Amino acid sequence: MQFSDRDILTDMLIGTKTISTGYHTAVLEAANDRIRNTLIQINNEELNTQKQIFDLMHSRGWYPLDPVFTGTPMGAEATGIRGPESHMGRMAPHMPPGVAPGGEPRQW
């Protein structure tokens, strides 16, 4: 099986998002400041890598941006890119904080 450049970059992008999520969780749970700062530095490097991959994909038209929400990536339906889903889901861009999808107030 031969993978296209787009397939490879999509896999790399999803991978960097997943790795960054893991580092973020580790930062939040680190009890030692030296370890926490090291994890923050590594996560920042991962975020920079993700940005480079995103920029390359966007420049080739493989990760378009929604013109209505300038700067906001379009959903997986438009890009074909699916990453790990949060247990909280994704809030729609027009939803005010504290309101769940469907307009119900969130129960904190």
C-alpha atoms as a PDB file:
ATOM      1  CA  MET A   1       0.000   0.000   0.000  1.00  0.00           C
ATOM      2  CA  GLN A   2       1.338   3.414  -0.978  1.00  0.00           C
ATOM      3  CA  PHE A   3       0.532   6.422   1.204  1.00  0.00           C
ATOM      4  CA  SER A   4       0.188   9.899  -0.297  1.00  0.00           C
ATOM      5  CA  ASP A   5       1.893  12.962   1.157  1.00  0.00           C
ATOM      6  CA  ARG A   6      -1.514  14.062   2.405  1.00  0.00           C
ATOM      7  CA  ASP A   7      -2.054  10.738   4.193  1.00  0.00           C
ATOM      8  CA  ILE A   8       1.348  10.973   5.865  1.00  0.00           C
ATOM      9  CA  LEU A   9       0.876  14.587   6.962  1.00  0.00           C
ATOM     10  CA  THR A  10      -2.642  13.865   8.244  1.00  0.00           C
ATOM     11  CA  ASP A  11      -1.284  10.982  10.314  1.00  0.00           C
ATOM     12  CA  MET A  12       1.517  13.194  11.641  1.00  0.00           C
ATOM     13  CA  LEU A  13      -0.949  15.965  12.523  1.00  0.00           C
ATOM     14  CA  ILE A  14      -3.247  13.596  14.403  1.00  0.00           C
ATOM     15  CA  GLY A  15      -0.212  12.121  16.153  1.00  0.00           C
ATOM     16  CA  THR A  16       1.100  15.500  17.311  1.00  0.00           C
ATOM     17  CA  LYS A  17      -2.356  16.423  18.628  1.00  0.00           C
ATOM     18  CA  THR A  18      -2.564  13.155  20.562  1.00  0.00           C
ATOM     19  CA  ILE A  19       0.950  13.483  21.965  1.00  0.00           C
ATOM     20  CA  SER A  20       0.330  17.099  22.985  1.00  0.00           C
ATOM     21  CA  THR A  21      -2.842  16.053  24.815  1.00  0.00           C
ATOM     22  CA  GLY A  22      -0.803  13.524  26.788  1.00  0.00           C
ATOM     23  CA  TYR A  23       1.868  16.093  27.670  1.00  0.00           C
ATOM     24  CA  HIS A  24      -0.818  18.572  28.702  1.00  0.00           C
ATOM     25  CA  THR A  25      -2.342  16.036  31.077  1.00  0.00           C
ATOM     26  CA  ALA A  26       1.093  15.211  32.489  1.00  0.00           C
ATOM     27  CA  VAL A  27       1.801  18.929  33.071  1.00  0.00           C
ATOM     28  CA  LEU A  28      -1.451  19.307  34.984  1.00  0.00           C
ATOM     29  CA  GLU A  29      -0.651  16.301  37.167  1.00  0.00           C
ATOM     30  CA  ALA A  30       3.078  16.933  37.760  1.00  0.00           C
ATOM     31  CA  ALA A  31       3.884  17.490  41.434  1.00  0.00           C
ATOM     32  CA  ASN A  32       7.552  18.347  40.846  1.00  0.00           C
ATOM     33  CA  ASP A  33       8.237  21.823  39.399  1.00  0.00           C
ATOM     34  CA  ARG A  34      11.367  20.742  37.515  1.00  0.00           C
ATOM     35  CA  ILE A  35       9.506  17.880  35.828  1.00  0.00           C
ATOM     36  CA  ARG A  36       6.516  20.132  35.149  1.00  0.00           C
ATOM     37  CA  ASN A  37       8.705  22.780  33.473  1.00  0.00           C
ATOM     38  CA  THR A  38      10.423  20.103  31.354  1.00  0.00           C
ATOM     39  CA  LEU A  39       7.033  18.753  30.253  1.00  0.00           C
ATOM     40  CA  ILE A  40       5.883  22.282  29.369  1.00  0.00           C
ATOM     41  CA  GLN A  41       9.015  22.778  27.240  1.00  0.00           C
ATOM     42  CA  ILE A  42       8.517  19.441  25.454  1.00  0.00           C
ATOM     43  CA  ASN A  43       4.823  20.199  24.886  1.00  0.00           C
ATOM     44  CA  ASN A  44       5.695  23.602  23.425  1.00  0.00           C
ATOM     45  CA  GLU A  45       8.068  21.890  20.982  1.00  0.00           C
ATOM     46  CA  GLU A  46       5.263  19.484  20.042  1.00  0.00           C
ATOM     47  CA  LEU A  47       2.892  22.420  19.489  1.00  0.00           C
ATOM     48  CA  ASN A  48       5.460  24.095  17.217  1.00  0.00           C
ATOM     49  CA  THR A  49       5.763  20.865  15.208  1.00  0.00           C
ATOM     50  CA  GLN A  50       1.969  20.683  14.939  1.00  0.00           C
ATOM     51  CA  LYS A  51       1.881  24.279  13.652  1.00  0.00           C
ATOM     52  CA  GLN A  52       4.478  23.509  10.985  1.00  0.00           C
ATOM     53  CA  ILE A  53       2.498  20.474   9.811  1.00  0.00           C
ATOM     54  CA  PHE A  54      -0.735  22.473   9.823  1.00  0.00           C
ATOM     55  CA  ASP A  55       0.857  25.328   7.842  1.00  0.00           C
ATOM     56  CA  LEU A  56       2.169  22.887   5.236  1.00  0.00           C
ATOM     57  CA  MET A  57      -1.196  21.146   4.890  1.00  0.00           C
ATOM     58  CA  HIS A  58      -3.053  24.457   4.728  1.00  0.00           C
ATOM     59  CA  SER A  59      -0.680  25.822   2.070  1.00  0.00           C
ATOM     60  CA  ARG A  60      -1.441  22.764  -0.078  1.00  0.00           C
ATOM     61  CA  GLY A  61      -5.191  23.091   0.429  1.00  0.00           C
ATOM     62  CA  TRP A  62      -5.392  19.929   2.536  1.00  0.00           C
ATOM     63  CA  TYR A  63      -6.644  21.690   5.689  1.00  0.00           C
ATOM     64  CA  PRO A  64      -8.934  24.568   4.688  1.00  0.00           C
ATOM     65  CA  LEU A  65     -10.142  27.217   7.090  1.00  0.00           C
ATOM     66  CA  ASP A  66     -13.805  28.132   7.402  1.00  0.00           C
ATOM     67  CA  PRO A  67     -14.105  31.676   5.931  1.00  0.00           C
ATOM     68  CA  VAL A  68     -17.031  32.528   8.246  1.00  0.00           C
ATOM     69  CA  PHE A  69     -14.880  31.912  11.331  1.00  0.00           C
ATOM     70  CA  THR A  70     -11.548  33.231  10.085  1.00  0.00           C
ATOM     71  CA  GLY A  71      -8.728  31.415  11.796  1.00  0.00           C
ATOM     72  CA  THR A  72     -10.932  28.584  13.032  1.00  0.00           C
ATOM     73  CA  PRO A  73     -10.278  25.203  11.405  1.00  0.00           C
ATOM     74  CA  MET A  74     -13.268  23.559   9.775  1.00  0.00           C
ATOM     75  CA  GLY A  75     -14.682  20.405  11.303  1.00  0.00           C
ATOM     76  CA  ALA A  76     -13.768  16.848  10.435  1.00  0.00           C
ATOM     77  CA  GLU A  77     -16.689  16.664   8.014  1.00  0.00           C
ATOM     78  CA  ALA A  78     -14.995  19.172   5.706  1.00  0.00           C
ATOM     79  CA  THR A  79     -11.353  18.201   6.191  1.00  0.00           C
ATOM     80  CA  GLY A  80     -11.647  14.447   6.634  1.00  0.00           C
ATOM     81  CA  ILE A  81      -9.332  14.782   9.639  1.00  0.00           C
ATOM     82  CA  ARG A  82     -10.500  13.187  12.853  1.00  0.00           C
ATOM     83  CA  GLY A  83      -8.500  13.292  16.046  1.00  0.00           C
ATOM     84  CA  PRO A  84      -9.119  11.997  19.523  1.00  0.00           C
ATOM     85  CA  GLU A  85     -12.438  13.129  20.949  1.00  0.00           C
ATOM     86  CA  SER A  86     -12.686  14.620  24.384  1.00  0.00           C
ATOM     87  CA  HIS A  87     -15.143  13.125  26.833  1.00  0.00           C
ATOM     88  CA  MET A  88     -16.686  16.603  26.977  1.00  0.00           C
ATOM     89  CA  GLY A  89     -17.136  16.865  23.218  1.00  0.00           C
ATOM     90  CA  ARG A  90     -16.585  20.001  21.188  1.00  0.00           C
ATOM     91  CA  MET A  91     -18.509  23.205  21.785  1.00  0.00           C
ATOM     92  CA  ALA A  92     -19.889  24.936  18.718  1.00  0.00           C
ATOM     93  CA  PRO A  93     -18.209  28.309  17.984  1.00  0.00           C
ATOM     94  CA  HIS A  94     -21.466  30.232  18.484  1.00  0.00           C
ATOM     95  CA  MET A  95     -22.230  28.710  21.898  1.00  0.00           C
ATOM     96  CA  PRO A  96     -21.588  30.954  24.898  1.00  0.00           C
ATOM     97  CA  PRO A  97     -19.518  29.501  27.733  1.00  0.00           C
ATOM     98  CA  GLY A  98     -21.546  27.493  30.203  1.00  0.00           C
ATOM     99  CA  VAL A  99     -24.168  26.426  27.669  1.00  0.00           C
ATOM    100  CA  ALA A 100     -24.271  22.830  26.458  1.00  0.00           C
ATOM    101  CA  PRO A 101     -25.216  21.921  22.899  1.00  0.00           C
ATOM    102  CA  GLY A 102     -28.986  22.191  22.603  1.00  0.00           C
ATOM    103  CA  GLY A 103     -29.026  25.412  24.663  1.00  0.00           C
ATOM    104  CA  GLU A 104     -29.195  23.709  28.059  1.00  0.00           C
ATOM    105  CA  PRO A 105     -27.171  25.331  30.862  1.00  0.00           C
ATOM    106  CA  ARG A 106     -24.159  23.233  31.831  1.00  0.00           C
ATOM    107  CA  GLN A 107     -24.265  21.698  35.274  1.00  0.00           C
ATOM    108  CA  TRP A 108     -20.849  22.317  36.825  1.00  0.00           C
END
